Structures are given as structure tokens and as C-alpha cells.
């Protein structure tokens, strides 16, 4: 049976990405891989992540770090000087620069959301008052709290989300970790998959047909 596998923020952790696929017994050409975004930056092996994305034909939504990476790759490819904030940022750009010709159009084409029959995939979340159709670009890629506050502490947007709505799967919120909220009948309506792999946590995946979460620890 074809499975739908949704994987949380990878952030350059190619080894854990590969191990998670093995643990899930991923079947190439059958299983569908979806990613919550923020796939490349911060971690040790962005090129390895790109190769696995290509090998699995994974589909991804745009994350806030993907948007920043796209901007930087465009400038880097044009020969512009970049105000790099850390050695890690330079290492990421140096590693991905040879792939810019294929990565830039791929990043440019990433959607803010993926609507499927049983779920909606976004990077950060949605506006819980205006719904999916009323959610702004910035909210899709960066929302955490609701009502919005400065910083990352406070009630989350999904605390105000109507459980009668479609299942929303998201990443982005490593400080909160794994989030699973279920209706009275046991069906999920919120799943958050950023479990902070790049920070020493886990890389997590949700298998939609099996209503199951799997993870691997950071190595």
C-alpha cells in the first residue's frame, strides 16, 4: 500500500534523514515523502539532504529558513557580498553553491501550503481566526503564538484552532517539540513535527495512513 510520510524540519541532518527512511522501510516509487520545510540550513550536511530529496522525489513546503537560503543563494550566485552571520551560514552556502542552478528554481517553486484530501501541510501554521484562505505568507512560514507576541513564548496558534477543521501538519516550532492533538473520536487535527534534530533532539515523521509517528535520535 502506498503510504504518505511527512517528515519534520531536517535542517541539514542528512544522516538522520536517511536513518528515518530506513526505520520506516521507505519504498521508493511507492511511498510519498512530504517535508515541513527548513531542510538545509544549520546542520552538517545540506548537500546530503538535497541528494535524498532528489532521490525520493520529496515534496516540500517553504519554510522561513528556506526563504532566507533562497535569497542568499541568489546573491551568492550573482557574486554579491553577503553579510554572513556565522561560519555555519558560510559553510552551508559554500556547500550548496555548486547546486545553485538546480536548487534556486526548486526553492522558488515551493508552495506555502499543500492541500490534500485528509490534511493540509504548512511550515509554521495558519491564522486560527481567518483560516487557511486568510493566512498571510509570513504566517505560513513563521507563525508561532496566538495572539502574536514578541519572542517565542506564549499560547500557540493551534491552541485557538477549531478541532472541527481539517488536520494541519506543520514544523517550525522546535521549542514546543512534538505536538499531537486529537478529537474525541481519536482522529488527529493538529500534528507538529519539529522535534529539534539539529539541536540534539530527534527527527520525526508521521505516517498518515497508519496514524503513526516515528523518530530517530540525533547522532
Protein backbone atom coordinates (compact mmCIF):
# COMPACT_ATOMS: atom_id res chain seq x y z
CA UNK A 1 0.00 0.00 0.00
CA UNK A 2 1.27 3.46 -0.87
CA UNK A 3 1.99 5.48 2.26
CA UNK A 4 2.14 9.21 2.89
CA UNK A 5 5.17 10.03 5.07
CA UNK A 6 5.55 13.57 6.41
CA UNK A 7 8.95 14.46 7.91
CA UNK A 8 9.69 17.40 10.19
CA UNK A 9 12.37 20.09 9.84
CA UNK A 10 15.60 18.38 8.74
CA UNK A 11 17.98 21.36 8.94
CA UNK A 12 20.90 19.69 7.19
CA UNK A 13 20.75 16.43 9.20
CA UNK A 14 21.13 14.08 6.23
CA UNK A 15 22.29 11.11 8.32
CA UNK A 16 19.16 11.19 10.44
CA UNK A 17 17.01 11.71 7.33
CA UNK A 18 18.50 8.56 5.84
CA UNK A 19 18.12 6.59 9.09
CA UNK A 20 14.50 7.63 9.41
CA UNK A 21 13.75 6.44 5.89
CA UNK A 22 15.37 3.10 6.74
CA UNK A 23 13.42 2.80 10.01
CA UNK A 24 10.20 3.49 8.13
CA UNK A 25 11.19 0.92 5.48
CA UNK A 26 10.61 3.56 2.83
CA UNK A 27 9.68 2.06 -0.54
CA UNK A 28 10.93 4.13 -3.45
CA UNK A 29 8.38 4.57 -6.19
CA UNK A 30 5.53 3.75 -3.83
CA UNK A 31 5.69 5.84 -0.67
CA UNK A 32 5.20 9.59 -0.93
CA UNK A 33 7.55 11.84 1.05
CA UNK A 34 6.48 15.30 2.23
CA UNK A 35 8.67 17.70 4.18
CA UNK A 36 7.65 20.50 6.55
CA UNK A 37 10.39 22.83 5.25
CA UNK A 38 13.67 24.21 6.64
CA UNK A 39 15.57 21.32 5.13
CA UNK A 40 19.10 22.62 4.63
CA UNK A 41 20.42 25.29 6.99
CA UNK A 42 22.19 24.96 10.36
CA UNK A 43 23.06 21.26 10.09
CA UNK A 44 26.19 19.43 8.92
CA UNK A 45 25.19 18.02 5.52
CA UNK A 46 22.87 20.15 3.38
CA UNK A 47 24.17 18.53 0.19
CA UNK A 48 23.27 15.09 1.53
CA UNK A 49 19.78 16.34 2.30
CA UNK A 50 19.43 17.68 -1.25
CA UNK A 51 20.51 14.33 -2.71
CA UNK A 52 17.96 12.46 -0.59
CA UNK A 53 15.24 14.90 -1.61
CA UNK A 54 16.07 14.28 -5.26
CA UNK A 55 16.32 10.51 -4.74
CA UNK A 56 12.94 10.27 -3.00
CA UNK A 57 11.27 12.95 -5.14
CA UNK A 58 10.16 14.55 -1.88
CA UNK A 59 7.65 17.38 -1.90
CA UNK A 60 8.18 20.29 0.49
CA UNK A 61 6.54 23.50 1.66
CA UNK A 62 8.53 26.71 2.00
CA UNK A 63 9.99 27.41 5.43
CA UNK A 64 11.36 30.66 6.82
CA UNK A 65 14.94 29.39 6.58
CA UNK A 66 14.33 28.17 3.02
CA UNK A 67 13.22 31.68 2.08
CA UNK A 68 16.42 33.14 3.58
CA UNK A 69 18.52 30.48 1.88
CA UNK A 70 16.95 31.27 -1.49
CA UNK A 71 17.74 34.96 -1.07
CA UNK A 72 21.34 34.17 -0.10
CA UNK A 73 21.87 31.72 -2.96
CA UNK A 74 20.62 34.29 -5.46
CA UNK A 75 23.05 36.89 -4.14
CA UNK A 76 25.90 34.38 -3.87
CA UNK A 77 25.33 33.18 -7.45
CA UNK A 78 25.36 36.81 -8.62
CA UNK A 79 28.72 37.39 -6.93
CA UNK A 80 27.37 39.80 -4.32
CA UNK A 81 28.91 40.13 -0.88
CA UNK A 82 26.72 38.71 1.85
CA UNK A 83 26.59 39.83 5.49
CA UNK A 84 27.05 36.31 6.86
CA UNK A 85 26.07 35.96 10.49
CA UNK A 86 28.04 32.82 11.31
CA UNK A 87 30.69 30.41 9.95
CA UNK A 88 27.92 27.83 9.66
CA UNK A 89 25.98 30.02 7.26
CA UNK A 90 29.05 30.42 5.05
CA UNK A 91 29.71 26.68 5.11
CA UNK A 92 26.13 25.99 4.04
CA UNK A 93 26.32 28.44 1.16
CA UNK A 94 29.72 27.17 0.04
CA UNK A 95 28.44 23.61 0.06
CA UNK A 96 25.25 24.43 -1.87
CA UNK A 97 26.74 26.98 -4.28
CA UNK A 98 27.63 24.33 -6.93
CA UNK A 99 23.99 23.18 -6.81
CA UNK A 100 22.51 26.67 -7.09
CA UNK A 101 21.48 26.17 -10.71
CA UNK A 102 19.06 23.41 -9.75
CA UNK A 103 18.24 24.46 -6.19
CA UNK A 104 17.21 28.05 -6.88
CA UNK A 105 14.32 27.19 -9.25
CA UNK A 106 13.30 24.34 -6.94
CA UNK A 107 13.16 26.66 -3.93
CA UNK A 108 11.35 29.32 -5.97
CA UNK A 109 8.62 26.82 -6.80
CA UNK A 110 7.95 25.66 -3.23
CA UNK A 111 4.35 26.26 -2.16
CA UNK A 112 3.28 27.85 1.12
CA UNK A 113 0.84 25.02 1.69
CA UNK A 114 -0.04 21.63 0.29
CA UNK A 115 -3.73 20.73 0.39
CA UNK A 116 -4.56 17.03 0.35
CA UNK A 117 -7.85 15.28 0.92
CA UNK A 118 -7.06 14.36 4.53
CA UNK A 119 -4.62 17.06 5.65
CA UNK A 120 -3.02 20.42 4.95
CA UNK A 121 0.76 20.69 5.20
CA UNK A 122 2.32 24.03 6.13
CA UNK A 123 5.66 25.05 7.59
CA UNK A 124 4.71 27.09 10.66
CA UNK A 125 0.93 27.16 10.90
CA UNK A 126 -2.17 29.10 9.95
CA UNK A 127 -4.11 32.07 11.22
CA UNK A 128 -6.64 30.38 13.53
CA UNK A 129 -9.19 33.17 13.15
CA UNK A 130 -9.01 33.73 9.38
CA UNK A 131 -8.37 30.12 8.43
CA UNK A 132 -6.20 28.74 5.68
CA UNK A 133 -7.51 31.06 2.97
CA UNK A 134 -6.90 34.11 5.15
CA UNK A 135 -3.41 33.19 6.30
CA UNK A 136 -0.63 35.52 5.12
CA UNK A 137 2.68 34.45 3.62
CA UNK A 138 4.51 35.50 6.80
CA UNK A 139 2.12 33.48 8.95
CA UNK A 140 2.51 30.36 6.81
CA UNK A 141 6.28 30.41 7.28
CA UNK A 142 6.77 31.95 10.73
CA UNK A 143 3.68 31.98 12.98
CA UNK A 144 4.04 30.52 16.48
CA UNK A 145 1.97 32.34 19.06
CA UNK A 146 -1.63 33.45 19.11
CA UNK A 147 -2.35 36.23 19.76
CA UNK A 148 1.03 37.23 18.26
CA UNK A 149 3.65 38.31 20.79
CA UNK A 150 7.28 39.40 20.58
CA UNK A 151 9.51 36.37 21.07
CA UNK A 152 8.57 32.68 21.11
CA UNK A 153 6.84 32.32 24.46
CA UNK A 154 3.07 32.27 24.71
CA UNK A 155 -0.01 30.31 23.66
CA UNK A 156 0.41 28.67 20.27
CA UNK A 157 -1.73 29.32 17.22
CA UNK A 158 -3.03 25.75 17.34
CA UNK A 159 -4.39 26.31 20.85
CA UNK A 160 -7.00 28.51 19.16
CA UNK A 161 -7.60 26.25 16.14
CA UNK A 162 -11.05 24.71 15.77
CA UNK A 163 -10.79 20.95 16.16
CA UNK A 164 -13.57 20.55 13.58
CA UNK A 165 -11.19 21.76 10.86
CA UNK A 166 -9.01 19.67 8.59
CA UNK A 167 -5.86 18.09 10.00
CA UNK A 168 -2.98 20.60 9.93
CA UNK A 169 0.56 19.20 9.85
CA UNK A 170 3.41 21.63 10.49
CA UNK A 171 7.01 22.03 11.65
CA UNK A 172 8.93 25.16 12.67
CA UNK A 173 8.29 25.10 16.42
CA UNK A 174 11.24 23.15 17.86
CA UNK A 175 10.81 24.74 21.32
CA UNK A 176 7.37 23.13 21.61
CA UNK A 177 8.50 19.80 20.10
CA UNK A 178 6.14 17.04 19.05
CA UNK A 179 2.50 18.15 19.09
CA UNK A 180 -0.44 15.78 18.58
CA UNK A 181 -3.97 16.95 19.28
CA UNK A 182 -6.92 14.64 18.77
CA UNK A 183 -10.68 14.96 18.58
CA UNK A 184 -12.99 12.98 20.85
CA UNK A 185 -13.14 10.22 18.25
CA UNK A 186 -9.35 9.86 18.36
CA UNK A 187 -8.63 11.36 14.95
CA UNK A 188 -5.84 13.96 14.85
CA UNK A 189 -6.49 17.58 13.92
CA UNK A 190 -3.04 19.03 14.77
CA UNK A 191 0.37 17.40 14.30
CA UNK A 192 3.61 19.33 14.85
CA UNK A 193 6.76 17.52 13.76
CA UNK A 194 9.72 19.78 14.53
CA UNK A 195 11.43 17.85 17.31
CA UNK A 196 14.70 19.76 17.13
CA UNK A 197 17.00 17.27 15.42
CA UNK A 198 19.64 19.89 14.62
CA UNK A 199 19.67 20.94 18.29
CA UNK A 200 20.34 17.43 19.54
CA UNK A 201 16.74 16.19 19.58
CA UNK A 202 15.01 13.86 17.13
CA UNK A 203 13.93 13.83 13.51
CA UNK A 204 10.27 12.82 13.42
CA UNK A 205 7.86 11.58 10.78
CA UNK A 206 4.12 11.00 10.61
CA UNK A 207 2.71 8.14 8.53
CA UNK A 208 -0.74 9.37 7.59
CA UNK A 209 -2.37 6.07 6.63
CA UNK A 210 -1.21 4.43 9.87
CA UNK A 211 -1.74 7.47 12.12
CA UNK A 212 1.73 6.79 13.50
CA UNK A 213 4.75 8.87 14.49
CA UNK A 214 8.30 7.52 14.20
CA UNK A 215 11.58 9.23 15.05
CA UNK A 216 15.33 8.77 15.17
CA UNK A 217 17.67 10.45 17.64
CA UNK A 218 20.36 12.89 16.54
CA UNK A 219 23.65 11.06 16.10
